Amino acid sequence: MARIDDRQATFAGVLLLANRMQTTYDAAIEEVTLKQWLALVVVASLPRPVPSTAEVARALGTTHQNMRKLLAALADRGLLEITPSPTDRRARRVDITPAAHALFDRLGPTGDRLLDDLFADVAPDDLSTCLRVLDTMSLALTGDSLRPPEPETERTD
């Protein structure tokens, strides 16, 4: 077999790292999976209530069907409230609950420690470069940035 070039190694490395992160963090955080945690963080970061489960799916780059199952599991645990949209009978609005806020308070320090451990040996410049490269790859793949949108500022005129 031919030597693996840097593109192939990077492609495989991104997938392997994602699997390792999921396995490690699923074991470290007993209350929710890494994917559930990410979904909660995304819902909390979007303007709320989120108008539809499709909007959460778009933000996470997954299918509506997969997201609907994941969000339903979180709603069953009392971490999300999913209600009919008052403006679109097909859509379901999504909002976080007080139980989700309590979970953020409880798990926030653990999440911070896990990130500190992951990036302990990564220089700030290397981290910025890594995000830039991953964002460039995401834009090439789907046209979507990995960077969160800048918060809208209120106009004062």
N, C-alpha and C. Protein backbone atom coordinates (compact mmCIF):
# COMPACT_ATOMS: atom_id res chain seq x y z
N MET A 1 0.85 -1.19 0.00
CA MET A 1 0.00 0.00 0.00
C MET A 1 0.89 1.24 0.00
N ALA A 2 0.45 2.25 -0.72
CA ALA A 2 1.20 3.50 -0.83
C ALA A 2 1.18 4.24 0.52
N ARG A 3 2.17 5.06 0.71
CA ARG A 3 2.26 5.86 1.92
C ARG A 3 1.05 6.79 2.01
N ILE A 4 0.54 6.95 3.21
CA ILE A 4 -0.61 7.83 3.42
C ILE A 4 -0.11 9.27 3.42
N ASP A 5 -0.74 10.11 2.59
CA ASP A 5 -0.31 11.51 2.55
C ASP A 5 -0.99 12.30 3.68
N ASP A 6 -0.57 13.54 3.84
CA ASP A 6 -1.08 14.37 4.94
C ASP A 6 -2.58 14.60 4.85
N ARG A 7 -3.13 14.71 3.64
CA ARG A 7 -4.59 14.90 3.51
C ARG A 7 -5.32 13.68 4.03
N GLN A 8 -4.86 12.49 3.63
CA GLN A 8 -5.50 11.25 4.08
C GLN A 8 -5.36 11.09 5.59
N ALA A 9 -4.17 11.37 6.11
CA ALA A 9 -3.95 11.25 7.55
C ALA A 9 -4.80 12.24 8.33
N THR A 10 -4.96 13.46 7.80
CA THR A 10 -5.79 14.46 8.46
C THR A 10 -7.26 14.04 8.43
N PHE A 11 -7.72 13.57 7.28
CA PHE A 11 -9.10 13.10 7.15
C PHE A 11 -9.37 12.00 8.17
N ALA A 12 -8.52 10.98 8.19
CA ALA A 12 -8.69 9.87 9.14
C ALA A 12 -8.53 10.37 10.57
N GLY A 13 -7.59 11.27 10.78
CA GLY A 13 -7.35 11.78 12.12
C GLY A 13 -8.54 12.52 12.70
N VAL A 14 -9.22 13.31 11.88
CA VAL A 14 -10.41 14.03 12.34
C VAL A 14 -11.48 13.03 12.78
N LEU A 15 -11.70 11.99 11.99
CA LEU A 15 -12.70 10.97 12.34
C LEU A 15 -12.30 10.20 13.59
N LEU A 16 -11.03 9.80 13.67
CA LEU A 16 -10.56 9.07 14.85
C LEU A 16 -10.65 9.92 16.10
N LEU A 17 -10.25 11.18 16.00
CA LEU A 17 -10.32 12.07 17.16
C LEU A 17 -11.77 12.27 17.61
N ALA A 18 -12.69 12.43 16.66
CA ALA A 18 -14.10 12.58 17.02
C ALA A 18 -14.60 11.35 17.76
N ASN A 19 -14.24 10.16 17.28
CA ASN A 19 -14.64 8.92 17.97
C ASN A 19 -14.03 8.84 19.36
N ARG A 20 -12.75 9.18 19.48
CA ARG A 20 -12.08 9.12 20.78
C ARG A 20 -12.67 10.14 21.75
N MET A 21 -12.98 11.32 21.25
CA MET A 21 -13.60 12.33 22.11
C MET A 21 -14.97 11.86 22.60
N GLN A 22 -15.76 11.29 21.70
CA GLN A 22 -17.08 10.82 22.10
C GLN A 22 -16.97 9.72 23.14
N THR A 23 -16.10 8.75 22.93
CA THR A 23 -15.93 7.65 23.88
C THR A 23 -15.44 8.17 25.23
N THR A 24 -14.44 9.04 25.21
CA THR A 24 -13.87 9.57 26.45
C THR A 24 -14.89 10.41 27.21
N TYR A 25 -15.57 11.31 26.52
CA TYR A 25 -16.48 12.21 27.21
C TYR A 25 -17.79 11.54 27.59
N ASP A 26 -18.23 10.56 26.82
CA ASP A 26 -19.41 9.80 27.24
C ASP A 26 -19.13 9.07 28.55
N ALA A 27 -17.90 8.59 28.73
CA ALA A 27 -17.53 7.90 29.97
C ALA A 27 -17.35 8.89 31.13
N ALA A 28 -16.88 10.09 30.83
CA ALA A 28 -16.58 11.07 31.87
C ALA A 28 -17.83 11.79 32.39
N ILE A 29 -18.84 11.91 31.54
CA ILE A 29 -20.06 12.63 31.91
C ILE A 29 -21.20 11.63 31.88
N GLU A 30 -21.64 11.23 33.05
CA GLU A 30 -22.63 10.15 33.14
C GLU A 30 -24.05 10.58 32.80
N GLU A 31 -24.37 11.84 33.00
CA GLU A 31 -25.77 12.26 32.89
C GLU A 31 -26.28 12.40 31.46
N VAL A 32 -25.40 12.78 30.55
CA VAL A 32 -25.78 12.94 29.14
C VAL A 32 -24.62 12.49 28.27
N THR A 33 -24.94 12.16 27.02
CA THR A 33 -23.87 11.83 26.07
C THR A 33 -23.27 13.13 25.53
N LEU A 34 -22.13 13.00 24.90
CA LEU A 34 -21.49 14.17 24.30
C LEU A 34 -22.40 14.82 23.26
N LYS A 35 -23.08 14.01 22.45
CA LYS A 35 -23.98 14.57 21.44
C LYS A 35 -25.17 15.27 22.08
N GLN A 36 -25.69 14.71 23.18
CA GLN A 36 -26.79 15.36 23.88
C GLN A 36 -26.33 16.69 24.49
N TRP A 37 -25.13 16.68 25.08
CA TRP A 37 -24.58 17.90 25.66
C TRP A 37 -24.43 18.98 24.59
N LEU A 38 -23.87 18.60 23.45
CA LEU A 38 -23.69 19.56 22.36
C LEU A 38 -25.04 20.11 21.90
N ALA A 39 -26.04 19.25 21.79
CA ALA A 39 -27.38 19.72 21.38
C ALA A 39 -27.94 20.71 22.40
N LEU A 40 -27.77 20.43 23.69
CA LEU A 40 -28.24 21.35 24.72
C LEU A 40 -27.52 22.70 24.63
N VAL A 41 -26.21 22.66 24.44
CA VAL A 41 -25.44 23.90 24.33
C VAL A 41 -25.88 24.70 23.11
N VAL A 42 -26.13 24.01 22.00
CA VAL A 42 -26.57 24.71 20.78
C VAL A 42 -27.95 25.32 20.99
N VAL A 43 -28.88 24.57 21.56
CA VAL A 43 -30.22 25.11 21.81
C VAL A 43 -30.12 26.33 22.73
N ALA A 44 -29.27 26.24 23.75
CA ALA A 44 -29.11 27.36 24.69
C ALA A 44 -28.48 28.58 24.02
N SER A 45 -27.69 28.37 22.96
CA SER A 45 -27.00 29.48 22.31
C SER A 45 -27.83 30.14 21.21
N LEU A 46 -28.86 29.46 20.73
CA LEU A 46 -29.72 30.02 19.68
C LEU A 46 -30.76 30.94 20.31
N PRO A 47 -31.29 31.90 19.54
CA PRO A 47 -32.38 32.71 20.08
C PRO A 47 -33.54 31.79 20.46
N ARG A 48 -34.07 32.00 21.66
CA ARG A 48 -35.08 31.08 22.15
C ARG A 48 -36.43 31.77 22.31
N PRO A 49 -37.49 30.96 22.20
CA PRO A 49 -37.44 29.54 21.86
C PRO A 49 -37.01 29.34 20.41
N VAL A 50 -36.29 28.26 20.18
CA VAL A 50 -35.86 27.94 18.82
C VAL A 50 -37.11 27.60 18.02
N PRO A 51 -37.31 28.23 16.86
CA PRO A 51 -38.57 28.06 16.14
C PRO A 51 -38.86 26.66 15.64
N SER A 52 -37.83 25.82 15.46
CA SER A 52 -38.10 24.47 14.96
C SER A 52 -36.94 23.53 15.25
N THR A 53 -37.25 22.24 15.30
CA THR A 53 -36.20 21.23 15.45
C THR A 53 -35.29 21.24 14.23
N ALA A 54 -35.83 21.62 13.08
CA ALA A 54 -35.01 21.69 11.86
C ALA A 54 -33.90 22.72 12.01
N GLU A 55 -34.17 23.81 12.71
CA GLU A 55 -33.13 24.83 12.92
C GLU A 55 -32.00 24.28 13.79
N VAL A 56 -32.33 23.48 14.79
CA VAL A 56 -31.30 22.86 15.63
C VAL A 56 -30.49 21.87 14.78
N ALA A 57 -31.18 21.09 13.95
CA ALA A 57 -30.49 20.13 13.07
C ALA A 57 -29.53 20.86 12.14
N ARG A 58 -29.97 21.98 11.58
CA ARG A 58 -29.10 22.77 10.70
C ARG A 58 -27.86 23.25 11.44
N ALA A 59 -28.06 23.75 12.66
CA ALA A 59 -26.94 24.27 13.45
C ALA A 59 -25.92 23.18 13.78
N LEU A 60 -26.40 21.95 13.91
CA LEU A 60 -25.51 20.83 14.25
C LEU A 60 -25.08 20.03 13.03
N GLY A 61 -25.55 20.40 11.86
CA GLY A 61 -25.13 19.72 10.64
C GLY A 61 -25.59 18.28 10.57
N THR A 62 -26.79 18.01 11.02
CA THR A 62 -27.32 16.64 10.99
C THR A 62 -28.71 16.65 10.38
N THR A 63 -29.29 15.48 10.24
CA THR A 63 -30.62 15.39 9.64
C THR A 63 -31.70 15.74 10.66
N HIS A 64 -32.82 16.19 10.14
CA HIS A 64 -33.96 16.51 10.99
C HIS A 64 -34.41 15.28 11.76
N GLN A 65 -34.42 14.12 11.10
CA GLN A 65 -34.87 12.89 11.75
C GLN A 65 -33.96 12.52 12.93
N ASN A 66 -32.64 12.56 12.73
CA ASN A 66 -31.72 12.26 13.83
C ASN A 66 -31.88 13.26 14.97
N MET A 67 -32.03 14.53 14.62
CA MET A 67 -32.16 15.55 15.65
C MET A 67 -33.47 15.41 16.40
N ARG A 68 -34.54 15.06 15.70
CA ARG A 68 -35.83 14.89 16.37
C ARG A 68 -35.74 13.81 17.44
N LYS A 69 -35.05 12.70 17.15
CA LYS A 69 -34.88 11.62 18.13
C LYS A 69 -34.05 12.08 19.32
N LEU A 70 -32.95 12.77 19.04
CA LEU A 70 -32.08 13.23 20.12
C LEU A 70 -32.79 14.24 21.01
N LEU A 71 -33.50 15.19 20.40
CA LEU A 71 -34.23 16.19 21.17
C LEU A 71 -35.37 15.56 21.96
N ALA A 72 -36.04 14.57 21.39
CA ALA A 72 -37.12 13.89 22.11
C ALA A 72 -36.58 13.20 23.36
N ALA A 73 -35.40 12.59 23.25
CA ALA A 73 -34.78 11.93 24.41
C ALA A 73 -34.47 12.96 25.50
N LEU A 74 -34.00 14.13 25.10
CA LEU A 74 -33.72 15.19 26.08
C LEU A 74 -35.00 15.74 26.69
N ALA A 75 -36.06 15.82 25.89
CA ALA A 75 -37.35 16.27 26.41
C ALA A 75 -37.91 15.25 27.39
N ASP A 76 -37.75 13.96 27.08
CA ASP A 76 -38.22 12.91 27.99
C ASP A 76 -37.53 12.99 29.35
N ARG A 77 -36.31 13.50 29.36
CA ARG A 77 -35.55 13.63 30.61
C ARG A 77 -35.81 14.98 31.29
N GLY A 78 -36.68 15.79 30.70
CA GLY A 78 -37.02 17.07 31.30
C GLY A 78 -36.01 18.18 31.06
N LEU A 79 -35.11 17.98 30.09
CA LEU A 79 -34.07 18.98 29.83
C LEU A 79 -34.47 19.96 28.73
N LEU A 80 -35.42 19.58 27.91
CA LEU A 80 -35.95 20.44 26.86
C LEU A 80 -37.46 20.42 26.91
N GLU A 81 -38.04 21.51 26.43
CA GLU A 81 -39.48 21.56 26.24
C GLU A 81 -39.72 21.72 24.74
N ILE A 82 -40.49 20.80 24.18
CA ILE A 82 -40.81 20.84 22.76
C ILE A 82 -42.31 21.06 22.63
N THR A 83 -42.68 22.15 21.96
CA THR A 83 -44.09 22.53 21.86
C THR A 83 -44.44 22.87 20.42
N PRO A 84 -45.73 22.77 20.08
CA PRO A 84 -46.13 23.16 18.72
C PRO A 84 -45.84 24.64 18.46
N SER A 85 -45.44 24.93 17.24
CA SER A 85 -45.20 26.32 16.85
C SER A 85 -46.55 27.01 16.67
N PRO A 86 -46.68 28.23 17.18
CA PRO A 86 -47.94 28.95 16.99
C PRO A 86 -48.11 29.46 15.56
N THR A 87 -47.03 29.46 14.77
CA THR A 87 -47.10 30.02 13.42
C THR A 87 -46.98 28.99 12.31
N ASP A 88 -46.53 27.78 12.63
CA ASP A 88 -46.34 26.74 11.61
C ASP A 88 -46.76 25.40 12.22
N ARG A 89 -47.89 24.88 11.78
CA ARG A 89 -48.42 23.67 12.42
C ARG A 89 -47.52 22.45 12.25
N ARG A 90 -46.58 22.49 11.30
CA ARG A 90 -45.66 21.36 11.11
C ARG A 90 -44.43 21.46 12.02
N ALA A 91 -44.12 22.66 12.48
CA ALA A 91 -42.89 22.87 13.25
C ALA A 91 -43.12 22.67 14.74
N ARG A 92 -42.05 22.32 15.43
CA ARG A 92 -42.07 22.17 16.89
C ARG A 92 -41.00 23.10 17.46
N ARG A 93 -41.41 23.98 18.37
CA ARG A 93 -40.45 24.88 19.01
C ARG A 93 -39.68 24.13 20.09
N VAL A 94 -38.45 24.58 20.34
CA VAL A 94 -37.57 23.92 21.30
C VAL A 94 -37.04 24.97 22.28
N ASP A 95 -37.08 24.64 23.57
CA ASP A 95 -36.51 25.53 24.57
C ASP A 95 -35.89 24.70 25.69
N ILE A 96 -34.88 25.27 26.32
CA ILE A 96 -34.27 24.57 27.45
C ILE A 96 -35.11 24.81 28.69
N THR A 97 -35.00 23.92 29.65
CA THR A 97 -35.79 23.98 30.87
C THR A 97 -34.90 24.38 32.05
N PRO A 98 -35.51 24.68 33.19
CA PRO A 98 -34.70 24.93 34.39
C PRO A 98 -33.80 23.73 34.73
N ALA A 99 -34.26 22.53 34.44
CA ALA A 99 -33.41 21.35 34.69
C ALA A 99 -32.15 21.38 33.83
N ALA A 100 -32.26 21.89 32.60
CA ALA A 100 -31.08 22.01 31.74
C ALA A 100 -30.13 23.06 32.30
N HIS A 101 -30.68 24.17 32.79
CA HIS A 101 -29.82 25.19 33.41
C HIS A 101 -29.08 24.61 34.61
N ALA A 102 -29.78 23.81 35.41
CA ALA A 102 -29.14 23.16 36.56
C ALA A 102 -28.05 22.19 36.10
N LEU A 103 -28.30 21.49 35.00
CA LEU A 103 -27.29 20.58 34.45
C LEU A 103 -26.06 21.36 33.99
N PHE A 104 -26.27 22.50 33.33
CA PHE A 104 -25.14 23.34 32.91
C PHE A 104 -24.32 23.77 34.13
N ASP A 105 -25.01 24.18 35.19
CA ASP A 105 -24.31 24.61 36.41
C ASP A 105 -23.52 23.46 37.02
N ARG A 106 -24.12 22.28 37.02
CA ARG A 106 -23.48 21.10 37.63
C ARG A 106 -22.30 20.59 36.80
N LEU A 107 -22.48 20.52 35.48
CA LEU A 107 -21.46 19.92 34.61
C LEU A 107 -20.48 20.92 34.01
N GLY A 108 -20.77 22.20 34.12
CA GLY A 108 -19.89 23.21 33.56
C GLY A 108 -18.44 23.06 33.99
N PRO A 109 -18.16 22.92 35.31
CA PRO A 109 -16.77 22.76 35.74
C PRO A 109 -16.12 21.49 35.18
N THR A 110 -16.88 20.42 35.05
CA THR A 110 -16.33 19.19 34.47
C THR A 110 -15.99 19.41 33.00
N GLY A 111 -16.88 20.06 32.28
CA GLY A 111 -16.62 20.36 30.87
C GLY A 111 -15.40 21.24 30.70
N ASP A 112 -15.27 22.25 31.57
CA ASP A 112 -14.10 23.13 31.50
C ASP A 112 -12.82 22.34 31.75
N ARG A 113 -12.83 21.43 32.74
CA ARG A 113 -11.65 20.63 33.05
C ARG A 113 -11.29 19.73 31.88
N LEU A 114 -12.30 19.10 31.26
CA LEU A 114 -12.04 18.23 30.11
C LEU A 114 -11.42 19.00 28.95
N LEU A 115 -11.92 20.21 28.70
CA LEU A 115 -11.33 21.04 27.64
C LEU A 115 -9.91 21.47 28.00
N ASP A 116 -9.72 21.84 29.27
CA ASP A 116 -8.36 22.22 29.71
C ASP A 116 -7.39 21.06 29.49
N ASP A 117 -7.82 19.85 29.84
CA ASP A 117 -6.96 18.67 29.65
C ASP A 117 -6.68 18.42 28.17
N LEU A 118 -7.71 18.54 27.34
CA LEU A 118 -7.56 18.27 25.91
C LEU A 118 -6.57 19.25 25.26
N PHE A 119 -6.66 20.51 25.65
CA PHE A 119 -5.86 21.54 24.99
C PHE A 119 -4.63 21.98 25.80
N ALA A 120 -4.30 21.24 26.86
CA ALA A 120 -3.19 21.64 27.75
C ALA A 120 -1.88 21.83 27.01
N ASP A 121 -1.59 21.00 26.04
CA ASP A 121 -0.31 21.07 25.33
C ASP A 121 -0.41 21.74 23.96
N VAL A 122 -1.51 22.44 23.73
CA VAL A 122 -1.71 23.11 22.44
C VAL A 122 -1.50 24.61 22.65
N ALA A 123 -0.56 25.17 21.93
CA ALA A 123 -0.29 26.61 22.02
C ALA A 123 -1.47 27.40 21.46
N PRO A 124 -1.74 28.58 22.02
CA PRO A 124 -2.86 29.39 21.52
C PRO A 124 -2.82 29.63 20.01
N ASP A 125 -1.64 29.89 19.47
CA ASP A 125 -1.54 30.10 18.01
C ASP A 125 -1.90 28.84 17.24
N ASP A 126 -1.48 27.68 17.77
CA ASP A 126 -1.82 26.41 17.11
C ASP A 126 -3.32 26.15 17.18
N LEU A 127 -3.94 26.51 18.30
CA LEU A 127 -5.38 26.32 18.44
C LEU A 127 -6.13 27.20 17.43
N SER A 128 -5.70 28.44 17.28
CA SER A 128 -6.32 29.33 16.29
C SER A 128 -6.15 28.79 14.88
N THR A 129 -4.95 28.28 14.58
CA THR A 129 -4.69 27.70 13.26
C THR A 129 -5.56 26.47 13.04
N CYS A 130 -5.68 25.63 14.06
CA CYS A 130 -6.50 24.42 13.95
C CYS A 130 -7.95 24.79 13.64
N LEU A 131 -8.50 25.75 14.37
CA LEU A 131 -9.89 26.16 14.12
C LEU A 131 -10.04 26.73 12.71
N ARG A 132 -9.07 27.52 12.28
CA ARG A 132 -9.14 28.09 10.93
C ARG A 132 -9.13 26.99 9.87
N VAL A 133 -8.26 25.99 10.04
CA VAL A 133 -8.18 24.90 9.06
C VAL A 133 -9.46 24.06 9.08
N LEU A 134 -9.95 23.71 10.27
CA LEU A 134 -11.19 22.93 10.35
C LEU A 134 -12.36 23.71 9.76
N ASP A 135 -12.40 25.01 10.00
CA ASP A 135 -13.46 25.84 9.43
C ASP A 135 -13.38 25.87 7.91
N THR A 136 -12.17 25.98 7.38
CA THR A 136 -11.98 25.96 5.92
C THR A 136 -12.46 24.63 5.35
N MET A 137 -12.15 23.53 6.03
CA MET A 137 -12.60 22.21 5.57
C MET A 137 -14.13 22.13 5.60
N SER A 138 -14.75 22.64 6.66
CA SER A 138 -16.21 22.61 6.76
C SER A 138 -16.85 23.45 5.66
N LEU A 139 -16.29 24.61 5.40
CA LEU A 139 -16.82 25.46 4.33
C LEU A 139 -16.71 24.77 2.98
N ALA A 140 -15.60 24.07 2.74
CA ALA A 140 -15.43 23.35 1.47
C ALA A 140 -16.41 22.20 1.35
N LEU A 141 -16.71 21.56 2.47
CA LEU A 141 -17.58 20.39 2.46
C LEU A 141 -19.06 20.76 2.33
N THR A 142 -19.50 21.73 3.14
CA THR A 142 -20.94 22.03 3.20
C THR A 142 -21.30 23.49 2.96
N GLY A 143 -20.30 24.36 2.96
CA GLY A 143 -20.58 25.78 2.87
C GLY A 143 -20.92 26.40 4.21
N ASP A 144 -20.88 25.61 5.27
CA ASP A 144 -21.21 26.10 6.61
C ASP A 144 -19.95 26.23 7.45
N SER A 145 -19.88 27.34 8.17
CA SER A 145 -18.75 27.58 9.06
C SER A 145 -18.92 26.80 10.36
N LEU A 146 -17.81 26.44 10.98
CA LEU A 146 -17.84 25.84 12.31
C LEU A 146 -17.92 26.90 13.40
N ARG A 147 -17.59 28.12 13.04
CA ARG A 147 -17.58 29.19 14.02
C ARG A 147 -19.02 29.61 14.32
N PRO A 148 -19.29 29.85 15.60
CA PRO A 148 -20.65 30.31 15.93
C PRO A 148 -20.88 31.69 15.34
N PRO A 149 -22.13 31.98 14.98
CA PRO A 149 -22.41 33.31 14.44
C PRO A 149 -22.17 34.37 15.51
N GLU A 150 -21.77 35.53 15.05
CA GLU A 150 -21.58 36.65 15.98
C GLU A 150 -22.94 37.05 16.51
N PRO A 151 -23.01 37.36 17.82
CA PRO A 151 -24.31 37.80 18.36
C PRO A 151 -24.73 39.11 17.71
N GLU A 152 -26.02 39.20 17.48
CA GLU A 152 -26.53 40.44 16.89
C GLU A 152 -26.52 41.53 17.96
N THR A 153 -26.13 42.71 17.56
CA THR A 153 -26.13 43.83 18.50
C THR A 153 -27.35 44.68 18.23
N GLU A 154 -27.88 45.25 19.29
CA GLU A 154 -29.05 46.11 19.14
C GLU A 154 -28.64 47.44 18.54
N ARG A 155 -29.47 47.93 17.66
CA ARG A 155 -29.22 49.24 17.06
C ARG A 155 -29.66 50.31 18.04
N THR A 156 -28.90 51.37 18.08
CA THR A 156 -29.21 52.45 19.02
C THR A 156 -29.63 53.74 18.33
N ASP A 157 -30.05 53.65 17.04
CA ASP A 157 -30.45 54.89 16.38
C ASP A 157 -31.89 55.19 16.58
